[in-house]
C-alpha atoms as a PDB file:
ATOM      1  CA  MET A   1      23.907 -12.423  72.524  1.00  0.00           C
ATOM      2  CA  LEU A   2      26.994 -10.426  71.677  1.00  0.00           C
ATOM      3  CA  SER A   3      29.278 -13.137  73.035  1.00  0.00           C
ATOM      4  CA  THR A   4      29.612 -14.477  69.476  1.00  0.00           C
ATOM      5  CA  LEU A   5      31.645 -11.362  68.655  1.00  0.00           C
ATOM      6  CA  GLY A   6      34.309 -12.576  71.088  1.00  0.00           C
ATOM      7  CA  ASN A   7      34.881 -15.730  69.022  1.00  0.00           C
ATOM      8  CA  PRO A   8      36.878 -14.671  65.951  1.00  0.00           C
ATOM      9  CA  ARG A   9      36.276 -17.963  64.146  1.00  0.00           C
ATOM     10  CA  GLN A  10      32.495 -17.617  64.394  1.00  0.00           C
ATOM     11  CA  ALA A  11      32.640 -13.933  63.391  1.00  0.00           C
ATOM     12  CA  ALA A  12      34.720 -14.852  60.327  1.00  0.00           C
ATOM     13  CA  ALA A  13      32.229 -17.599  59.436  1.00  0.00           C
ATOM     14  CA  GLN A  14      29.367 -15.113  59.658  1.00  0.00           C
ATOM     15  CA  LEU A  15      31.211 -12.623  57.445  1.00  0.00           C
ATOM     16  CA  LEU A  16      31.968 -15.342  54.895  1.00  0.00           C
ATOM     17  CA  ASN A  17      28.345 -16.476  54.979  1.00  0.00           C
ATOM     18  CA  PHE A  18      27.185 -12.895  54.305  1.00  0.00           C
ATOM     19  CA  GLY A  19      29.704 -12.588  51.450  1.00  0.00           C
ATOM     20  CA  LEU A  20      28.471 -15.889  50.010  1.00  0.00           C
ATOM     21  CA  ILE A  21      24.881 -14.622  50.007  1.00  0.00           C
ATOM     22  CA  LEU A  22      25.889 -11.395  48.229  1.00  0.00           C
ATOM     23  CA  SER A  23      28.045 -13.161  45.643  1.00  0.00           C
ATOM     24  CA  THR A  24      25.314 -15.732  44.937  1.00  0.00           C
ATOM     25  CA  ALA A  25      22.778 -12.969  44.319  1.00  0.00           C
ATOM     26  CA  PHE A  26      25.237 -11.192  42.008  1.00  0.00           C
ATOM     27  CA  MET A  27      25.989 -14.396  40.063  1.00  0.00           C
ATOM     28  CA  MET A  28      22.280 -15.137  39.667  1.00  0.00           C
ATOM     29  CA  TRP A  29      21.686 -11.598  38.316  1.00  0.00           C
ATOM     30  CA  LYS A  30      24.577 -11.878  35.848  1.00  0.00           C
ATOM     31  CA  GLY A  31      23.456 -15.364  34.780  1.00  0.00           C
ATOM     32  CA  LEU A  32      19.930 -14.085  34.181  1.00  0.00           C
ATOM     33  CA  SER A  33      21.380 -11.179  32.177  1.00  0.00           C
ATOM     34  CA  VAL A  34      23.288 -13.573  29.918  1.00  0.00           C
ATOM     35  CA  PHE A  35      20.303 -15.910  29.533  1.00  0.00           C
ATOM     36  CA  THR A  36      17.875 -13.117  28.599  1.00  0.00           C
ATOM     37  CA  ASP A  37      20.462 -11.137  26.581  1.00  0.00           C
ATOM     38  CA  SER A  38      19.451  -8.036  28.530  1.00  0.00           C
ATOM     39  CA  PRO A  39      21.630  -5.921  30.844  1.00  0.00           C
ATOM     40  CA  SER A  40      18.588  -5.454  33.078  1.00  0.00           C
ATOM     41  CA  PRO A  41      16.394  -8.589  32.915  1.00  0.00           C
ATOM     42  CA  ILE A  42      14.040  -7.439  35.692  1.00  0.00           C
ATOM     43  CA  VAL A  43      12.695  -3.882  36.057  1.00  0.00           C
ATOM     44  CA  VAL A  44      10.137  -2.131  38.254  1.00  0.00           C
ATOM     45  CA  VAL A  45       7.407   0.119  36.857  1.00  0.00           C
ATOM     46  CA  LEU A  46       8.026   3.528  38.433  1.00  0.00           C
ATOM     47  CA  SER A  47       5.122   5.567  37.031  1.00  0.00           C
ATOM     48  CA  GLY A  48       1.505   5.208  35.956  1.00  0.00           C
ATOM     49  CA  SER A  49       2.184   5.828  32.260  1.00  0.00           C
ATOM     50  CA  MET A  50       1.383   2.204  31.295  1.00  0.00           C
ATOM     51  CA  GLU A  51      -1.889   1.855  33.227  1.00  0.00           C
ATOM     52  CA  PRO A  52      -4.072  -0.172  32.959  1.00  0.00           C
ATOM     53  CA  ALA A  53      -1.618  -2.719  31.471  1.00  0.00           C
ATOM     54  CA  PHE A  54       0.954  -2.283  34.266  1.00  0.00           C
ATOM     55  CA  GLN A  55       0.585  -0.500  37.594  1.00  0.00           C
ATOM     56  CA  ARG A  56       3.229   1.399  39.528  1.00  0.00           C
ATOM     57  CA  GLY A  57       5.280  -1.154  41.490  1.00  0.00           C
ATOM     58  CA  ASP A  58       4.809  -4.092  39.094  1.00  0.00           C
ATOM     59  CA  LEU A  59       7.909  -6.227  38.528  1.00  0.00           C
ATOM     60  CA  LEU A  60       8.533  -6.886  34.816  1.00  0.00           C
ATOM     61  CA  PHE A  61      10.532  -9.742  33.303  1.00  0.00           C
ATOM     62  CA  LEU A  62      12.345  -8.944  30.070  1.00  0.00           C
ATOM     63  CA  TRP A  63      13.582 -10.979  27.125  1.00  0.00           C
ATOM     64  CA  ASN A  64      15.783  -9.377  24.484  1.00  0.00           C
ATOM     65  CA  ARG A  65      14.718 -11.071  21.254  1.00  0.00           C
ATOM     66  CA  ASN A  66      16.856  -9.169  18.794  1.00  0.00           C
ATOM     67  CA  LEU A  67      18.373 -12.406  17.455  1.00  0.00           C
ATOM     68  CA  MET A  68      15.137 -14.381  17.199  1.00  0.00           C
ATOM     69  CA  ARG A  69      12.656 -11.893  15.729  1.00  0.00           C
ATOM     70  CA  GLU A  70      12.025  -8.216  15.234  1.00  0.00           C
ATOM     71  CA  THR A  71      10.213  -5.952  17.646  1.00  0.00           C
ATOM     72  CA  ASP A  72       6.618  -5.501  16.474  1.00  0.00           C
ATOM     73  CA  VAL A  73       4.051  -2.724  16.814  1.00  0.00           C
ATOM     74  CA  GLY A  74       1.984  -3.305  19.959  1.00  0.00           C
ATOM     75  CA  GLU A  75       4.833  -4.926  21.864  1.00  0.00           C
ATOM     76  CA  VAL A  76       5.689  -3.501  25.299  1.00  0.00           C
ATOM     77  CA  VAL A  77       9.403  -2.740  25.476  1.00  0.00           C
ATOM     78  CA  VAL A  78      11.809  -1.307  28.007  1.00  0.00           C
ATOM     79  CA  TYR A  79      14.308   1.170  26.625  1.00  0.00           C
ATOM     80  CA  GLU A  80      16.979   3.518  27.875  1.00  0.00           C
ATOM     81  CA  VAL A  81      17.359   7.037  26.566  1.00  0.00           C
ATOM     82  CA  ARG A  82      20.945   8.047  25.825  1.00  0.00           C
ATOM     83  CA  ASP A  83      22.645   9.793  28.758  1.00  0.00           C
ATOM     84  CA  LYS A  84      19.867   8.799  31.180  1.00  0.00           C
ATOM     85  CA  ASP A  85      20.020   5.738  33.395  1.00  0.00           C
ATOM     86  CA  ILE A  86      16.334   5.139  34.181  1.00  0.00           C
ATOM     87  CA  PRO A  87      14.672   2.586  31.903  1.00  0.00           C
ATOM     88  CA  ILE A  88      11.262   3.468  30.438  1.00  0.00           C
ATOM     89  CA  VAL A  89       8.454   0.945  29.898  1.00  0.00           C
ATOM     90  CA  HIS A  90       6.231   1.841  26.920  1.00  0.00           C
ATOM     91  CA  ARG A  91       4.459   0.258  23.960  1.00  0.00           C
ATOM     92  CA  VAL A  92       5.735   0.404  20.358  1.00  0.00           C
ATOM     93  CA  VAL A  93       3.083   2.327  18.384  1.00  0.00           C
ATOM     94  CA  ARG A  94       4.817   2.790  15.009  1.00  0.00           C
ATOM     95  CA  LYS A  95       7.584   1.086  13.142  1.00  0.00           C
ATOM     96  CA  PHE A  96       9.443   2.403  10.116  1.00  0.00           C
ATOM     97  CA  GLY A  97      11.578  -0.059   8.161  1.00  0.00           C
ATOM     98  CA  SER A  98      12.785  -3.469   9.248  1.00  0.00           C
ATOM     99  CA  GLY A  99      15.875  -5.199  10.578  1.00  0.00           C
ATOM    100  CA  GLU A 100      18.597  -3.428  12.552  1.00  0.00           C
ATOM    101  CA  SER A 101      17.825  -0.116  10.839  1.00  0.00           C
ATOM    102  CA  ALA A 102      14.139  -0.136  11.863  1.00  0.00           C
ATOM    103  CA  LYS A 103      13.000   2.999  13.653  1.00  0.00           C
ATOM    104  CA  LEU A 104      10.507   2.617  16.489  1.00  0.00           C
ATOM    105  CA  LEU A 105       8.159   5.140  18.065  1.00  0.00           C
ATOM    106  CA  THR A 106       6.839   4.386  21.564  1.00  0.00           C
ATOM    107  CA  LYS A 107       4.074   5.717  23.783  1.00  0.00           C
ATOM    108  CA  GLY A 108       2.774   5.003  27.273  1.00  0.00           C
ATOM    109  CA  ASP A 109      -0.780   3.573  27.256  1.00  0.00           C
ATOM    110  CA  ASN A 110      -1.884   6.251  29.722  1.00  0.00           C
ATOM    111  CA  ASN A 111      -0.092   9.141  27.952  1.00  0.00           C
ATOM    112  CA  LEU A 112      -1.728  11.522  25.491  1.00  0.00           C
ATOM    113  CA  SER A 113       1.245  11.805  23.123  1.00  0.00           C
ATOM    114  CA  ASP A 114       4.155   9.682  21.934  1.00  0.00           C
ATOM    115  CA  ASP A 115       7.605   9.624  23.538  1.00  0.00           C
ATOM    116  CA  THR A 116       9.489  11.941  21.178  1.00  0.00           C
ATOM    117  CA  GLU A 117       9.918  14.459  24.018  1.00  0.00           C
ATOM    118  CA  LEU A 118      11.446  11.777  26.244  1.00  0.00           C
ATOM    119  CA  TYR A 119      14.103  10.789  23.703  1.00  0.00           C
ATOM    120  CA  ALA A 120      17.569  12.333  23.709  1.00  0.00           C
ATOM    121  CA  ARG A 121      18.131  15.690  22.014  1.00  0.00           C
ATOM    122  CA  GLY A 122      18.113  15.218  18.239  1.00  0.00           C
ATOM    123  CA  GLN A 123      16.623  11.723  18.494  1.00  0.00           C
ATOM    124  CA  ASP A 124      13.235  11.268  16.833  1.00  0.00           C
ATOM    125  CA  TYR A 125      12.976   7.472  17.069  1.00  0.00           C
ATOM    126  CA  LEU A 126      14.402   4.509  18.910  1.00  0.00           C
ATOM    127  CA  VAL A 127      16.617   1.958  17.210  1.00  0.00           C
ATOM    128  CA  ARG A 128      17.013  -1.664  18.262  1.00  0.00           C
ATOM    129  CA  LYS A 129      20.152  -1.018  20.332  1.00  0.00           C
ATOM    130  CA  ASP A 130      18.202   1.395  22.598  1.00  0.00           C
ATOM    131  CA  ILE A 131      15.864  -1.412  23.692  1.00  0.00           C
ATOM    132  CA  LEU A 132      16.795  -3.412  26.788  1.00  0.00           C
ATOM    133  CA  GLY A 133      14.125  -6.042  26.175  1.00  0.00           C
ATOM    134  CA  SER A 134      10.496  -6.904  25.629  1.00  0.00           C
ATOM    135  CA  VAL A 135       8.159  -7.626  28.523  1.00  0.00           C
ATOM    136  CA  VAL A 136       7.334 -11.346  28.713  1.00  0.00           C
ATOM    137  CA  GLY A 137       5.803 -11.505  32.195  1.00  0.00           C
ATOM    138  CA  TYR A 138       5.148  -9.556  35.364  1.00  0.00           C
ATOM    139  CA  MET A 139       4.386  -9.850  39.086  1.00  0.00           C
ATOM    140  CA  PRO A 140       1.961  -7.217  40.388  1.00  0.00           C
ATOM    141  CA  PHE A 141       3.122  -4.796  43.117  1.00  0.00           C
ATOM    142  CA  VAL A 142       6.234  -6.815  44.104  1.00  0.00           C
ATOM    143  CA  GLY A 143       8.478  -3.911  43.086  1.00  0.00           C
ATOM    144  CA  TYR A 144       7.011  -1.515  45.631  1.00  0.00           C
ATOM    145  CA  VAL A 145       9.873  -2.417  47.980  1.00  0.00           C
ATOM    146  CA  THR A 146      12.303  -0.919  45.462  1.00  0.00           C
ATOM    147  CA  ILE A 147      10.191   2.209  45.100  1.00  0.00           C
ATOM    148  CA  LEU A 148       9.965   2.680  48.889  1.00  0.00           C
ATOM    149  CA  LEU A 149      13.729   2.219  49.294  1.00  0.00           C
ATOM    150  CA  SER A 150      14.491   4.806  46.611  1.00  0.00           C
ATOM    151  CA  GLU A 151      11.905   7.352  47.808  1.00  0.00           C
ATOM    152  CA  TYR A 152      12.888   7.036  51.491  1.00  0.00           C
ATOM    153  CA  PRO A 153      16.696   6.682  51.772  1.00  0.00           C
ATOM    154  CA  ALA A 154      16.492   6.402  55.574  1.00  0.00           C
ATOM    155  CA  LEU A 155      14.473   3.209  55.124  1.00  0.00           C
ATOM    156  CA  LYS A 156      17.354   1.749  53.102  1.00  0.00           C
ATOM    157  CA  THR A 157      19.775   2.511  55.944  1.00  0.00           C
ATOM    158  CA  VAL A 158      17.463   0.932  58.512  1.00  0.00           C
ATOM    159  CA  MET A 159      16.982  -2.167  56.367  1.00  0.00           C
ATOM    160  CA  LEU A 160      20.733  -2.614  55.802  1.00  0.00           C
ATOM    161  CA  GLY A 161      21.349  -2.119  59.524  1.00  0.00           C
ATOM    162  CA  LEU A 162      18.770  -4.769  60.410  1.00  0.00           C
ATOM    163  CA  MET A 163      20.285  -7.199  57.900  1.00  0.00           C
ATOM    164  CA  GLY A 164      23.762  -6.619  59.354  1.00  0.00           C
ATOM    165  CA  LEU A 165      22.446  -7.082  62.890  1.00  0.00           C
ATOM    166  CA  MET A 166      20.777 -10.357  61.901  1.00  0.00           C
ATOM    167  CA  VAL A 167      24.071 -11.637  60.468  1.00  0.00           C
ATOM    168  CA  VAL A 168      25.939 -10.746  63.657  1.00  0.00           C
ATOM    169  CA  LEU A 169      23.327 -12.262  65.970  1.00  0.00           C
ATOM    170  CA  GLN A 170      22.793 -15.421  63.912  1.00  0.00           C
ATOM    171  CA  ARG A 171      23.575 -18.647  65.760  1.00  0.00           C
ATOM    172  CA  GLU A 172      24.611 -21.914  64.221  1.00  0.00           C
END
């Protein structure tokens, strides 16, 4: 089994193969980001604030339509609050104005009040640049892997170790 480690040519090929897999995944992510005009084209629902529309663990696909049309009331958007790096998935409930200067107010379907308390200090509304994209599709419960890996860091270490072991033990 571990005799492949003695052959430096085969070990180098395995390392290059692993690097190729990682770089391909990165290029696909960046290509999808350019295509959707969103820095984060795929997000996972982390809470139950959008139930029953989306459940915790659903994988959402985003499309940033700021060039094609305006964001409308009733549309489900993903936005980032200034100085926080966790995107929030909520529905636009009110819109004031139009164009780039439009101000949007959001609310989770399962929440009692709007999101003004979630916004940054001194921010009463969202503007178009705060929005990462609008939800155009989803896959139920596929994102639970991401949630498990973030809630149990030891599981992430075990998974990376198993992936590394599979690369080392792979035979061609």
